[in-house]
Amino acid sequence: MPRRFIAFTSLATGAAIAVAVALATPALAKGTTQASITGPGLARPVIVSAAAGSEALPGQGDALSSLADQTGLFMMLFGPDTGDGYMPDKPFRLRTPPAAATLGPKYTVTYTVPGITPAPGQASGQVRQYLYPHAAGGPVIYTLPEQQGFGQPLQVTGWFRGTPQLTATLTRLGVHAGASLPSAPSSAASVPAAPAPGAAPKPNDTTAPAWLIATIASAVTITIAGTARWLRRRPGPPLTGP
């Protein structure tokens, strides 16, 4: 009986953990595999790729991860607090749209993000941003609204100010657009308005942990139930006389 009990509980626990890992792994590995940059002065797109079989994730430090950090991709996917404390080059939101005359040349970066539902005509999910690396006052990023993230719209969109490191990164990648523009004039802009700020929805990253917790809890429940059943059926010590 003890051997059968041990075999049963070991099998149940092992199966539960295997299912949890299988469900959690693809859901947790959410990053970008490639960025394609197009714009003036580029004869062909600049392609930045992750290592074969991997995805660029926040704070990794490789070329693709750094570019995504600096353009705010991970904030758009996971929420505005993503990277606090370990992403010093993350951009910050602009309160008002910049004047069009202050932006300078526009480049488009298109990230390939597995796990996002592809739009019609796309082979894989994508997130698109406009980059203005030589805008007055520092680089500017615009993330188009109504793009899809992981099971929901992007959590953050609109106008952001990048750090000088973004311009340096783009220059190293071969994006050269000349000198930065002078300080911004006070004229109104003919650019898309910034979306009204609101409470960002919580990241949709809780699916895998929920499955993991539920599955492990099921394994523990099976183990406890099996133990209780075995203890009830276990014969007690033999009775002895005085």
C-alpha atoms as a PDB file:
ATOM      1  CA  MET A   1       0.000   0.000   0.000  1.00  0.00           C
ATOM      2  CA  PRO A   2       2.656   2.622   0.826  1.00  0.00           C
ATOM      3  CA  ARG A   3       4.451   1.938  -2.432  1.00  0.00           C
ATOM      4  CA  ARG A   4       1.275   2.351  -4.476  1.00  0.00           C
ATOM      5  CA  PHE A   5       0.453   5.552  -2.585  1.00  0.00           C
ATOM      6  CA  ILE A   6       3.926   7.017  -3.191  1.00  0.00           C
ATOM      7  CA  ALA A   7       3.787   6.085  -6.880  1.00  0.00           C
ATOM      8  CA  PHE A   8       0.318   7.631  -7.250  1.00  0.00           C
ATOM      9  CA  THR A   9       1.179  10.922  -5.576  1.00  0.00           C
ATOM     10  CA  SER A  10       4.514  11.197  -7.388  1.00  0.00           C
ATOM     11  CA  LEU A  11       2.810  10.656 -10.749  1.00  0.00           C
ATOM     12  CA  ALA A  12       0.077  13.182  -9.990  1.00  0.00           C
ATOM     13  CA  THR A  13       2.516  15.836  -8.777  1.00  0.00           C
ATOM     14  CA  GLY A  14       4.883  15.303 -11.704  1.00  0.00           C
ATOM     15  CA  ALA A  15       2.074  15.550 -14.231  1.00  0.00           C
ATOM     16  CA  ALA A  16       0.740  18.717 -12.622  1.00  0.00           C
ATOM     17  CA  ILE A  17       4.137  20.399 -12.672  1.00  0.00           C
ATOM     18  CA  ALA A  18       4.735  19.359 -16.297  1.00  0.00           C
ATOM     19  CA  VAL A  19       1.401  20.842 -17.366  1.00  0.00           C
ATOM     20  CA  ALA A  20       2.131  24.041 -15.436  1.00  0.00           C
ATOM     21  CA  VAL A  21       5.524  24.467 -17.081  1.00  0.00           C
ATOM     22  CA  ALA A  22       4.093  23.787 -20.534  1.00  0.00           C
ATOM     23  CA  LEU A  23       1.404  26.400 -20.031  1.00  0.00           C
ATOM     24  CA  ALA A  24       3.606  28.991 -18.361  1.00  0.00           C
ATOM     25  CA  THR A  25       6.618  28.938 -20.671  1.00  0.00           C
ATOM     26  CA  PRO A  26       5.061  30.352 -23.865  1.00  0.00           C
ATOM     27  CA  ALA A  27       2.995  32.885 -21.952  1.00  0.00           C
ATOM     28  CA  LEU A  28       5.908  34.267 -19.935  1.00  0.00           C
ATOM     29  CA  ALA A  29       8.356  34.527 -22.842  1.00  0.00           C
ATOM     30  CA  LYS A  30       6.899  37.745 -24.222  1.00  0.00           C
ATOM     31  CA  GLY A  31       9.374  39.952 -26.027  1.00  0.00           C
ATOM     32  CA  THR A  32      10.343  41.124 -29.481  1.00  0.00           C
ATOM     33  CA  THR A  33      12.300  39.093 -31.993  1.00  0.00           C
ATOM     34  CA  GLN A  34      13.075  41.783 -34.555  1.00  0.00           C
ATOM     35  CA  ALA A  35      12.921  45.509 -35.287  1.00  0.00           C
ATOM     36  CA  SER A  36      12.831  47.016 -38.765  1.00  0.00           C
ATOM     37  CA  ILE A  37      13.657  50.728 -39.163  1.00  0.00           C
ATOM     38  CA  THR A  38      12.781  52.686 -42.303  1.00  0.00           C
ATOM     39  CA  GLY A  39      13.027  56.365 -43.137  1.00  0.00           C
ATOM     40  CA  PRO A  40      14.894  59.098 -45.025  1.00  0.00           C
ATOM     41  CA  GLY A  41      18.479  58.351 -45.992  1.00  0.00           C
ATOM     42  CA  LEU A  42      18.059  54.584 -45.622  1.00  0.00           C
ATOM     43  CA  ALA A  43      18.411  52.674 -48.892  1.00  0.00           C
ATOM     44  CA  ARG A  44      17.006  49.573 -47.198  1.00  0.00           C
ATOM     45  CA  PRO A  45      15.437  48.827 -43.808  1.00  0.00           C
ATOM     46  CA  VAL A  46      17.772  48.562 -40.836  1.00  0.00           C
ATOM     47  CA  ILE A  47      17.089  45.163 -39.260  1.00  0.00           C
ATOM     48  CA  VAL A  48      17.920  44.451 -35.621  1.00  0.00           C
ATOM     49  CA  SER A  49      17.302  40.859 -34.545  1.00  0.00           C
ATOM     50  CA  ALA A  50      17.406  38.876 -31.341  1.00  0.00           C
ATOM     51  CA  ALA A  51      19.639  35.851 -31.052  1.00  0.00           C
ATOM     52  CA  ALA A  52      18.336  32.799 -32.871  1.00  0.00           C
ATOM     53  CA  GLY A  53      15.476  31.167 -31.029  1.00  0.00           C
ATOM     54  CA  SER A  54      15.225  33.900 -28.371  1.00  0.00           C
ATOM     55  CA  GLU A  55      13.329  37.106 -27.675  1.00  0.00           C
ATOM     56  CA  ALA A  56      14.616  40.488 -26.504  1.00  0.00           C
ATOM     57  CA  LEU A  57      13.223  41.251 -23.049  1.00  0.00           C
ATOM     58  CA  PRO A  58      13.449  44.330 -20.778  1.00  0.00           C
ATOM     59  CA  GLY A  59      16.899  45.186 -19.446  1.00  0.00           C
ATOM     60  CA  GLN A  60      18.876  42.501 -21.287  1.00  0.00           C
ATOM     61  CA  GLY A  61      21.365  44.975 -22.741  1.00  0.00           C
ATOM     62  CA  ASP A  62      21.669  43.555 -26.267  1.00  0.00           C
ATOM     63  CA  ALA A  63      21.057  45.780 -29.299  1.00  0.00           C
ATOM     64  CA  LEU A  64      17.403  44.863 -29.804  1.00  0.00           C
ATOM     65  CA  SER A  65      16.531  44.947 -26.102  1.00  0.00           C
ATOM     66  CA  SER A  66      18.234  48.342 -25.688  1.00  0.00           C
ATOM     67  CA  LEU A  67      16.380  49.795 -28.672  1.00  0.00           C
ATOM     68  CA  ALA A  68      13.055  48.482 -27.338  1.00  0.00           C
ATOM     69  CA  ASP A  69      13.861  49.844 -23.855  1.00  0.00           C
ATOM     70  CA  GLN A  70      14.704  53.277 -25.266  1.00  0.00           C
ATOM     71  CA  THR A  71      11.634  53.580 -27.512  1.00  0.00           C
ATOM     72  CA  GLY A  72       9.321  52.415 -24.708  1.00  0.00           C
ATOM     73  CA  LEU A  73       8.096  49.224 -26.376  1.00  0.00           C
ATOM     74  CA  PHE A  74       7.955  47.280 -23.117  1.00  0.00           C
ATOM     75  CA  MET A  75       5.978  50.068 -21.425  1.00  0.00           C
ATOM     76  CA  MET A  76       3.482  49.918 -24.276  1.00  0.00           C
ATOM     77  CA  LEU A  77       3.127  46.157 -23.850  1.00  0.00           C
ATOM     78  CA  PHE A  78       3.267  45.746 -20.057  1.00  0.00           C
ATOM     79  CA  GLY A  79       2.347  49.127 -18.525  1.00  0.00           C
ATOM     80  CA  PRO A  80       3.972  52.460 -17.618  1.00  0.00           C
ATOM     81  CA  ASP A  81       5.842  51.137 -14.581  1.00  0.00           C
ATOM     82  CA  THR A  82       7.771  48.538 -16.563  1.00  0.00           C
ATOM     83  CA  GLY A  83      11.511  48.956 -16.106  1.00  0.00           C
ATOM     84  CA  ASP A  84      11.425  51.306 -13.111  1.00  0.00           C
ATOM     85  CA  GLY A  85      14.730  50.838 -11.328  1.00  0.00           C
ATOM     86  CA  TYR A  86      16.591  48.977 -14.060  1.00  0.00           C
ATOM     87  CA  MET A  87      15.822  50.807 -17.330  1.00  0.00           C
ATOM     88  CA  PRO A  88      17.482  54.234 -17.003  1.00  0.00           C
ATOM     89  CA  ASP A  89      16.880  55.103 -20.665  1.00  0.00           C
ATOM     90  CA  LYS A  90      13.106  54.545 -20.760  1.00  0.00           C
ATOM     91  CA  PRO A  91      11.197  57.499 -22.241  1.00  0.00           C
ATOM     92  CA  PHE A  92       8.720  59.713 -20.410  1.00  0.00           C
ATOM     93  CA  ARG A  93       5.343  60.978 -21.552  1.00  0.00           C
ATOM     94  CA  LEU A  94       5.014  64.464 -23.046  1.00  0.00           C
ATOM     95  CA  ARG A  95       2.145  66.484 -21.595  1.00  0.00           C
ATOM     96  CA  THR A  96       1.362  68.126 -24.938  1.00  0.00           C
ATOM     97  CA  PRO A  97       2.092  67.074 -28.523  1.00  0.00           C
ATOM     98  CA  PRO A  98       5.266  68.678 -29.904  1.00  0.00           C
ATOM     99  CA  ALA A  99       5.064  71.259 -32.676  1.00  0.00           C
ATOM    100  CA  ALA A 100       5.409  69.640 -36.079  1.00  0.00           C
ATOM    101  CA  ALA A 101       8.189  72.041 -37.085  1.00  0.00           C
ATOM    102  CA  THR A 102      10.349  70.840 -34.197  1.00  0.00           C
ATOM    103  CA  LEU A 103      10.277  67.135 -34.968  1.00  0.00           C
ATOM    104  CA  GLY A 104      12.680  66.757 -37.879  1.00  0.00           C
ATOM    105  CA  PRO A 105      12.999  63.584 -39.989  1.00  0.00           C
ATOM    106  CA  LYS A 106      10.585  60.781 -39.163  1.00  0.00           C
ATOM    107  CA  TYR A 107      11.616  57.143 -38.985  1.00  0.00           C
ATOM    108  CA  THR A 108       9.352  54.157 -38.491  1.00  0.00           C
ATOM    109  CA  VAL A 109      10.323  51.218 -36.311  1.00  0.00           C
ATOM    110  CA  THR A 110       8.236  48.072 -36.600  1.00  0.00           C
ATOM    111  CA  TYR A 111       8.719  45.448 -33.898  1.00  0.00           C
ATOM    112  CA  THR A 112       7.834  41.811 -34.439  1.00  0.00           C
ATOM    113  CA  VAL A 113       6.256  40.532 -31.207  1.00  0.00           C
ATOM    114  CA  PRO A 114       5.242  36.863 -30.945  1.00  0.00           C
ATOM    115  CA  GLY A 115       2.056  36.406 -28.969  1.00  0.00           C
ATOM    116  CA  ILE A 116       0.261  39.396 -30.486  1.00  0.00           C
ATOM    117  CA  THR A 117      -2.530  38.521 -32.897  1.00  0.00           C
ATOM    118  CA  PRO A 118      -1.365  39.492 -36.407  1.00  0.00           C
ATOM    119  CA  ALA A 119      -3.352  42.092 -38.298  1.00  0.00           C
ATOM    120  CA  PRO A 120      -4.784  41.086 -41.677  1.00  0.00           C
ATOM    121  CA  GLY A 121      -1.940  40.583 -44.124  1.00  0.00           C
ATOM    122  CA  GLN A 122       0.702  40.181 -41.411  1.00  0.00           C
ATOM    123  CA  ALA A 123       2.591  36.960 -40.781  1.00  0.00           C
ATOM    124  CA  SER A 124       3.159  37.813 -37.095  1.00  0.00           C
ATOM    125  CA  GLY A 125       2.094  40.369 -34.506  1.00  0.00           C
ATOM    126  CA  GLN A 126       3.674  43.805 -34.819  1.00  0.00           C
ATOM    127  CA  VAL A 127       3.921  47.093 -32.926  1.00  0.00           C
ATOM    128  CA  ARG A 128       4.760  50.268 -34.855  1.00  0.00           C
ATOM    129  CA  GLN A 129       6.276  53.497 -33.574  1.00  0.00           C
ATOM    130  CA  TYR A 130       7.413  56.745 -35.192  1.00  0.00           C
ATOM    131  CA  LEU A 131      10.850  57.992 -34.146  1.00  0.00           C
ATOM    132  CA  TYR A 132      12.165  61.554 -34.400  1.00  0.00           C
ATOM    133  CA  PRO A 133      15.776  61.155 -33.251  1.00  0.00           C
ATOM    134  CA  HIS A 134      16.784  64.763 -33.933  1.00  0.00           C
ATOM    135  CA  ALA A 135      13.749  66.613 -32.582  1.00  0.00           C
ATOM    136  CA  ALA A 136      14.282  69.834 -30.705  1.00  0.00           C
ATOM    137  CA  GLY A 137      14.957  69.121 -27.056  1.00  0.00           C
ATOM    138  CA  GLY A 138      15.801  65.473 -27.595  1.00  0.00           C
ATOM    139  CA  PRO A 139      14.423  62.451 -29.432  1.00  0.00           C
ATOM    140  CA  VAL A 140      10.658  62.018 -29.633  1.00  0.00           C
ATOM    141  CA  ILE A 141       8.660  58.800 -29.968  1.00  0.00           C
ATOM    142  CA  TYR A 142       5.063  58.441 -31.089  1.00  0.00           C
ATOM    143  CA  THR A 143       3.255  55.146 -30.585  1.00  0.00           C
ATOM    144  CA  LEU A 144       0.122  54.859 -32.669  1.00  0.00           C
ATOM    145  CA  PRO A 145      -3.057  54.158 -30.673  1.00  0.00           C
ATOM    146  CA  GLU A 146      -5.447  51.269 -31.321  1.00  0.00           C
ATOM    147  CA  GLN A 147      -2.633  48.770 -31.781  1.00  0.00           C
ATOM    148  CA  GLN A 148      -2.992  45.396 -30.149  1.00  0.00           C
ATOM    149  CA  GLY A 149      -0.844  44.047 -27.343  1.00  0.00           C
ATOM    150  CA  PHE A 150      -1.162  40.729 -25.539  1.00  0.00           C
ATOM    151  CA  GLY A 151      -4.891  40.079 -25.626  1.00  0.00           C
ATOM    152  CA  GLN A 152      -5.750  43.765 -25.239  1.00  0.00           C
ATOM    153  CA  PRO A 153      -4.834  47.158 -26.755  1.00  0.00           C
ATOM    154  CA  LEU A 154      -1.404  48.568 -25.988  1.00  0.00           C
ATOM    155  CA  GLN A 155      -1.397  49.860 -22.425  1.00  0.00           C
ATOM    156  CA  VAL A 156       0.405  53.116 -23.248  1.00  0.00           C
ATOM    157  CA  THR A 157       0.389  55.104 -26.495  1.00  0.00           C
ATOM    158  CA  GLY A 158       0.988  58.678 -27.651  1.00  0.00           C
ATOM    159  CA  TRP A 159       3.939  61.073 -27.465  1.00  0.00           C
ATOM    160  CA  PHE A 160       7.069  60.412 -25.424  1.00  0.00           C
ATOM    161  CA  ARG A 161      10.458  62.041 -24.980  1.00  0.00           C
ATOM    162  CA  GLY A 162      13.406  59.700 -25.258  1.00  0.00           C
ATOM    163  CA  THR A 163      16.849  60.095 -23.755  1.00  0.00           C
ATOM    164  CA  PRO A 164      19.934  61.089 -25.781  1.00  0.00           C
ATOM    165  CA  GLN A 165      20.938  57.431 -25.637  1.00  0.00           C
ATOM    166  CA  LEU A 166      18.196  56.641 -28.171  1.00  0.00           C
ATOM    167  CA  THR A 167      19.757  58.973 -30.738  1.00  0.00           C
ATOM    168  CA  ALA A 168      23.157  57.416 -30.050  1.00  0.00           C
ATOM    169  CA  THR A 169      21.726  53.915 -30.481  1.00  0.00           C
ATOM    170  CA  LEU A 170      20.078  54.814 -33.784  1.00  0.00           C
ATOM    171  CA  THR A 171      23.311  56.412 -35.022  1.00  0.00           C
ATOM    172  CA  ARG A 172      25.234  53.211 -34.214  1.00  0.00           C
ATOM    173  CA  LEU A 173      22.628  51.266 -36.186  1.00  0.00           C
ATOM    174  CA  GLY A 174      23.195  53.470 -39.230  1.00  0.00           C
ATOM    175  CA  VAL A 175      20.340  55.968 -38.856  1.00  0.00           C
ATOM    176  CA  HIS A 176      21.933  59.362 -39.567  1.00  0.00           C
ATOM    177  CA  ALA A 177      19.692  62.391 -39.943  1.00  0.00           C
ATOM    178  CA  GLY A 178      22.009  65.333 -39.360  1.00  0.00           C
ATOM    179  CA  ALA A 179      22.153  67.728 -36.428  1.00  0.00           C
ATOM    180  CA  SER A 180      19.395  68.176 -33.900  1.00  0.00           C
ATOM    181  CA  LEU A 181      16.912  70.963 -34.397  1.00  0.00           C
ATOM    182  CA  PRO A 182      17.090  74.146 -32.265  1.00  0.00           C
ATOM    183  CA  SER A 183      14.803  74.783 -29.323  1.00  0.00           C
ATOM    184  CA  ALA A 184      11.119  74.308 -29.982  1.00  0.00           C
ATOM    185  CA  PRO A 185       8.997  77.315 -31.051  1.00  0.00           C
ATOM    186  CA  SER A 186       5.721  78.034 -29.333  1.00  0.00           C
ATOM    187  CA  SER A 187       3.563  77.560 -32.432  1.00  0.00           C
ATOM    188  CA  ALA A 188       0.763  75.020 -32.409  1.00  0.00           C
ATOM    189  CA  ALA A 189       1.355  71.587 -33.810  1.00  0.00           C
ATOM    190  CA  SER A 190      -0.314  69.821 -36.693  1.00  0.00           C
ATOM    191  CA  VAL A 191       0.429  66.398 -35.267  1.00  0.00           C
ATOM    192  CA  PRO A 192      -1.821  63.773 -33.678  1.00  0.00           C
ATOM    193  CA  ALA A 193      -3.068  64.795 -30.266  1.00  0.00           C
ATOM    194  CA  ALA A 194      -1.773  62.973 -27.237  1.00  0.00           C
ATOM    195  CA  PRO A 195      -4.356  60.609 -25.749  1.00  0.00           C
ATOM    196  CA  ALA A 196      -5.957  61.703 -22.531  1.00  0.00           C
ATOM    197  CA  PRO A 197      -4.115  60.142 -19.590  1.00  0.00           C
ATOM    198  CA  GLY A 198      -6.013  57.537 -17.676  1.00  0.00           C
ATOM    199  CA  ALA A 199      -5.515  54.593 -15.441  1.00  0.00           C
ATOM    200  CA  ALA A 200      -3.632  52.030 -17.452  1.00  0.00           C
ATOM    201  CA  PRO A 201      -5.088  48.551 -17.307  1.00  0.00           C
ATOM    202  CA  LYS A 202      -3.101  45.976 -15.462  1.00  0.00           C
ATOM    203  CA  PRO A 203      -0.708  43.998 -17.624  1.00  0.00           C
ATOM    204  CA  ASN A 204      -2.239  40.935 -19.198  1.00  0.00           C
ATOM    205  CA  ASP A 205       0.702  38.887 -17.951  1.00  0.00           C
ATOM    206  CA  THR A 206      -1.127  37.120 -15.140  1.00  0.00           C
ATOM    207  CA  THR A 207      -2.486  34.240 -17.211  1.00  0.00           C
ATOM    208  CA  ALA A 208       0.549  31.998 -16.865  1.00  0.00           C
ATOM    209  CA  PRO A 209       1.063  32.517 -13.116  1.00  0.00           C
ATOM    210  CA  ALA A 210      -2.646  31.855 -12.536  1.00  0.00           C
ATOM    211  CA  TRP A 211      -2.408  28.573 -14.388  1.00  0.00           C
ATOM    212  CA  LEU A 212       0.760  27.730 -12.526  1.00  0.00           C
ATOM    213  CA  ILE A 213      -0.748  28.442  -9.138  1.00  0.00           C
ATOM    214  CA  ALA A 214      -3.976  26.582  -9.944  1.00  0.00           C
ATOM    215  CA  THR A 215      -2.141  23.531 -11.236  1.00  0.00           C
ATOM    216  CA  ILE A 216       0.263  23.326  -8.301  1.00  0.00           C
ATOM    217  CA  ALA A 217      -2.661  23.802  -5.928  1.00  0.00           C
ATOM    218  CA  SER A 218      -4.399  20.879  -7.607  1.00  0.00           C
ATOM    219  CA  ALA A 219      -1.305  18.733  -7.157  1.00  0.00           C
ATOM    220  CA  VAL A 220      -1.094  19.647  -3.483  1.00  0.00           C
ATOM    221  CA  THR A 221      -4.793  18.880  -3.034  1.00  0.00           C
ATOM    222  CA  ILE A 222      -4.370  15.462  -4.637  1.00  0.00           C
ATOM    223  CA  THR A 223      -1.375  14.737  -2.433  1.00  0.00           C
ATOM    224  CA  ILE A 224      -3.195  15.747   0.766  1.00  0.00           C
ATOM    225  CA  ALA A 225      -6.279  13.740  -0.196  1.00  0.00           C
ATOM    226  CA  GLY A 226      -4.185  10.703  -0.967  1.00  0.00           C
ATOM    227  CA  THR A 227      -2.309  11.011   2.302  1.00  0.00           C
ATOM    228  CA  ALA A 228      -5.549  11.281   4.275  1.00  0.00           C
ATOM    229  CA  ARG A 229      -6.987   8.242   2.515  1.00  0.00           C
ATOM    230  CA  TRP A 230      -3.876   6.211   3.217  1.00  0.00           C
ATOM    231  CA  LEU A 231      -3.863   7.214   6.882  1.00  0.00           C
ATOM    232  CA  ARG A 232      -7.513   6.217   7.277  1.00  0.00           C
ATOM    233  CA  ARG A 233      -6.851   2.773   5.789  1.00  0.00           C
ATOM    234  CA  ARG A 234      -3.566   2.218   7.585  1.00  0.00           C
ATOM    235  CA  PRO A 235      -4.035  -0.444  10.300  1.00  0.00           C
ATOM    236  CA  GLY A 236      -3.502   0.743  13.849  1.00  0.00           C
ATOM    237  CA  PRO A 237      -1.046  -0.791  16.302  1.00  0.00           C
ATOM    238  CA  PRO A 238      -2.031  -4.206  17.701  1.00  0.00           C
ATOM    239  CA  LEU A 239      -3.838  -4.208  21.010  1.00  0.00           C
ATOM    240  CA  THR A 240      -1.928  -5.655  23.945  1.00  0.00           C
ATOM    241  CA  GLY A 241      -3.122  -6.704  27.336  1.00  0.00           C
ATOM    242  CA  PRO A 242      -2.144  -5.115  30.620  1.00  0.00           C
END
